[in-house]
Protein backbone atom coordinates (compact mmCIF):
# COMPACT_ATOMS: atom_id res chain seq x y z
CA UNK A 1 -123.03 13.05 -169.99
CA UNK A 2 -122.36 9.40 -169.16
CA UNK A 3 -122.96 8.08 -165.60
CA UNK A 4 -119.91 7.87 -163.40
CA UNK A 5 -118.22 4.45 -162.86
CA UNK A 6 -115.93 3.74 -159.97
CA UNK A 7 -112.77 1.91 -160.74
CA UNK A 8 -110.14 0.60 -158.34
CA UNK A 9 -106.63 1.74 -159.44
CA UNK A 10 -104.10 0.11 -156.96
CA UNK A 11 -105.51 1.03 -153.44
CA UNK A 12 -107.58 3.92 -154.50
CA UNK A 13 -111.08 4.29 -155.74
CA UNK A 14 -111.49 6.55 -158.83
CA UNK A 15 -114.62 8.18 -160.19
CA UNK A 16 -114.56 7.79 -163.91
CA UNK A 17 -116.55 8.59 -167.16
CA UNK A 18 -116.37 5.50 -169.66
CA UNK A 19 -117.04 6.26 -173.20
CA UNK A 20 -116.90 3.38 -175.90
CA UNK A 21 -116.85 4.28 -179.55
CA UNK A 22 -117.27 1.23 -181.98
CA UNK A 23 -115.14 1.48 -185.29
CA UNK A 24 -114.52 -0.58 -188.25
CA UNK A 25 -111.12 -1.00 -190.00
CA UNK A 26 -110.22 -3.03 -192.89
CA UNK A 27 -113.16 -5.29 -192.33
CA UNK A 28 -112.43 -5.62 -188.66
CA UNK A 29 -114.55 -4.22 -185.76
CA UNK A 30 -112.81 -2.59 -182.77
CA UNK A 31 -114.01 -0.68 -179.79
CA UNK A 32 -112.24 2.44 -178.67
CA UNK A 33 -112.58 2.65 -175.07
CA UNK A 34 -111.84 6.16 -173.40
CA UNK A 35 -111.81 6.39 -169.59
CA UNK A 36 -111.73 9.94 -167.99
CA UNK A 37 -110.80 10.51 -164.42
CA UNK A 38 -113.56 12.64 -162.78
CA UNK A 39 -112.34 12.02 -159.16
CA UNK A 40 -111.55 15.59 -158.43
CA UNK A 41 -114.67 16.98 -159.93
CA UNK A 42 -116.75 14.25 -158.07
CA UNK A 43 -115.04 14.82 -154.61
CA UNK A 44 -115.55 18.69 -154.88
CA UNK A 45 -119.24 18.28 -155.89
CA UNK A 46 -119.78 15.92 -153.00
CA UNK A 47 -118.20 18.39 -150.56
CA UNK A 48 -120.23 21.27 -151.80
CA UNK A 49 -123.43 19.26 -151.75
CA UNK A 50 -123.11 18.56 -147.99
CA UNK A 51 -122.12 22.01 -146.91
CA UNK A 52 -124.77 24.05 -145.13
CA UNK A 53 -124.35 26.78 -147.82
CA UNK A 54 -126.14 27.18 -151.23
CA UNK A 55 -123.37 27.96 -153.65
CA UNK A 56 -124.01 29.55 -157.09
CA UNK A 57 -121.09 29.97 -159.63
CA UNK A 58 -121.95 32.83 -162.03
CA UNK A 59 -119.94 33.71 -165.34
CA UNK A 60 -119.24 37.47 -166.40
CA UNK A 61 -122.37 37.22 -168.68
CA UNK A 62 -124.76 36.39 -165.59
CA UNK A 63 -125.17 32.79 -166.50
CA UNK A 64 -125.40 30.16 -164.02
CA UNK A 65 -122.17 27.87 -164.48
CA UNK A 66 -122.74 25.53 -161.44
CA UNK A 67 -124.71 25.17 -158.30
CA UNK A 68 -124.82 22.61 -155.38
CA UNK A 69 -127.82 20.85 -153.94
CA UNK A 70 -128.48 23.26 -151.17
CA UNK A 71 -128.87 26.16 -153.92
CA UNK A 72 -131.38 23.88 -155.84
CA UNK A 73 -133.46 23.50 -152.66
CA UNK A 74 -133.17 27.33 -151.95
CA UNK A 75 -134.05 28.38 -155.61
CA UNK A 76 -136.54 25.99 -156.96
CA UNK A 77 -136.13 25.30 -160.68
CA UNK A 78 -132.61 26.64 -161.21
CA UNK A 79 -130.74 25.12 -164.12
CA UNK A 80 -127.34 25.73 -165.54
CA UNK A 81 -127.10 28.54 -168.28
CA UNK A 82 -129.97 30.19 -166.52
CA UNK A 83 -130.06 34.22 -166.41
CA UNK A 84 -129.07 34.77 -162.82
CA UNK A 85 -130.04 38.49 -163.05
CA UNK A 86 -133.69 37.29 -163.13
CA UNK A 87 -133.00 34.74 -160.32
CA UNK A 88 -131.21 37.03 -158.15
CA UNK A 89 -133.38 40.27 -158.63
CA UNK A 90 -133.80 42.57 -155.79
CA UNK A 91 -135.85 45.79 -155.80
CA UNK A 92 -133.62 48.64 -154.42
CA UNK A 93 -130.13 46.88 -155.49
CA UNK A 94 -128.18 47.23 -158.42
CA UNK A 95 -129.08 44.86 -161.35
CA UNK A 96 -125.64 42.93 -160.71
CA UNK A 97 -125.44 43.29 -156.94
CA UNK A 98 -123.55 40.20 -156.46
CA UNK A 99 -120.71 41.56 -158.39
CA UNK A 100 -117.87 42.52 -155.87
CA UNK A 101 -116.04 45.72 -155.80
CA UNK A 102 -112.36 46.21 -156.07
CA UNK A 103 -111.68 44.15 -152.83
CA UNK A 104 -112.99 41.17 -154.73
CA UNK A 105 -115.55 40.31 -152.05
CA UNK A 106 -118.96 41.75 -150.89
CA UNK A 107 -120.94 40.53 -147.92
CA UNK A 108 -124.47 41.18 -146.99
CA UNK A 109 -127.53 39.85 -145.30
CA UNK A 110 -130.56 38.91 -147.43
CA UNK A 111 -133.87 37.47 -146.36
CA UNK A 112 -135.24 34.56 -148.26
CA UNK A 113 -138.32 33.50 -146.43
CA UNK A 114 -138.46 32.12 -143.84
CA UNK A 115 -134.64 32.59 -143.23
CA UNK A 116 -131.90 35.40 -143.10
CA UNK A 117 -128.87 34.46 -145.09
CA UNK A 118 -125.35 35.87 -145.11
CA UNK A 119 -124.40 36.28 -148.59
CA UNK A 120 -120.67 36.36 -149.59
CA UNK A 121 -119.66 36.99 -153.24
CA UNK A 122 -116.17 36.54 -154.35
CA UNK A 123 -114.59 37.19 -157.65
CA UNK A 124 -112.27 34.52 -159.22
CA UNK A 125 -110.15 35.70 -162.12
CA UNK A 126 -109.81 33.51 -165.30
CA UNK A 127 -106.20 32.89 -166.34
CA UNK A 128 -105.45 34.88 -169.26
CA UNK A 129 -108.78 36.78 -169.32
CA UNK A 130 -110.34 40.06 -168.10
CA UNK A 131 -113.83 38.21 -167.45
CA UNK A 132 -114.30 36.67 -163.91
CA UNK A 133 -116.40 33.98 -162.35
CA UNK A 134 -118.46 34.94 -159.29
CA UNK A 135 -119.04 32.77 -156.49
CA UNK A 136 -122.02 33.48 -154.43
CA UNK A 137 -122.69 31.67 -151.15
CA UNK A 138 -125.72 31.83 -149.03
CA UNK A 139 -125.24 30.84 -145.31
CA UNK A 140 -128.34 30.51 -143.28
CA UNK A 141 -127.82 32.59 -140.10
CA UNK A 142 -131.40 33.04 -138.57
CA UNK A 143 -134.98 32.71 -138.92
CA UNK A 144 -136.72 35.58 -140.47
CA UNK A 145 -139.48 37.31 -138.38
CA UNK A 146 -143.11 35.96 -138.92
CA UNK A 147 -145.04 37.95 -141.30
CA UNK A 148 -146.00 38.47 -144.93
CA UNK A 149 -142.98 38.09 -147.15
CA UNK A 150 -142.44 37.76 -150.90
CA UNK A 151 -140.10 35.17 -152.27
CA UNK A 152 -136.86 37.13 -151.64
CA UNK A 153 -137.10 40.11 -149.32
CA UNK A 154 -134.40 41.78 -147.19
CA UNK A 155 -135.35 44.20 -144.45
CA UNK A 156 -131.98 43.93 -142.79
CA UNK A 157 -129.62 44.03 -145.69
CA UNK A 158 -126.31 45.46 -144.73
CA UNK A 159 -123.62 45.90 -147.35
CA UNK A 160 -120.23 45.65 -146.23
CA UNK A 161 -117.80 47.68 -148.44
CA UNK A 162 -114.27 46.73 -147.33
CA UNK A 163 -112.65 49.56 -149.32
CA UNK A 164 -114.63 52.43 -147.67
CA UNK A 165 -115.86 50.60 -144.58
CA UNK A 166 -119.32 52.18 -144.98
CA UNK A 167 -122.69 50.36 -144.63
CA UNK A 168 -126.26 51.03 -145.92
CA UNK A 169 -129.46 49.57 -144.82
CA UNK A 170 -132.01 49.64 -147.62
CA UNK A 171 -135.23 47.66 -147.54
CA UNK A 172 -135.38 45.24 -150.52
CA UNK A 173 -138.29 43.61 -152.05
CA UNK A 174 -138.22 41.08 -154.88
CA UNK A 175 -139.48 41.45 -158.35
CA UNK A 176 -141.98 38.98 -159.43
C-alpha cells in the first residue's frame, strides 16, 4: 500500500493515502488524483500500538487479520494471513481454544516465557454474516517462575467459563 501522507484540512490534520493515475484522453495527458482519508484507521492503529497488550484479530478461518506492535514483539515472525492455529497451539487445549463460548468472551492465564499473560478472547459478529472475528488480547500480569520452559507454556492456566462458572487447571505445553 502507499505510504501515508499528512494533510491539513481546516484546523485538522488528516492521515491520507494519495494515489495518482496518469491517463491520456484525446491526445491530452491527465492525472487522476485520489485521496483516501485513513485518519480513523491510523489513529486506531496508533492507539493499539502503544497499549501494554498484544492484540490479535483472527477471522473464522483461523487466519490472522491484524495485529499490533506488542503482538509482533511477543510472537516473532507473525504476518497477516498466517494460520493462527499453529501460532497459538497449546498441548492439552482444543485446537481453537481462543474461540469464546456462548457468552462471547473467554479469559485465561497463559505463560509465554518469561511472563504470565491474562488472555481475553472476544467474538465480534460481522454484520449480515454468521462468521465472526475474534479479538485475542495478551496482558502481561506477572513474571513466570525461573525454570526451563518451552516457547509457550501454561502451568497456571485457568479457564473462566462465565456460563457455568466452573474452572479447570490443566498444565499446557506448546507444540514445536
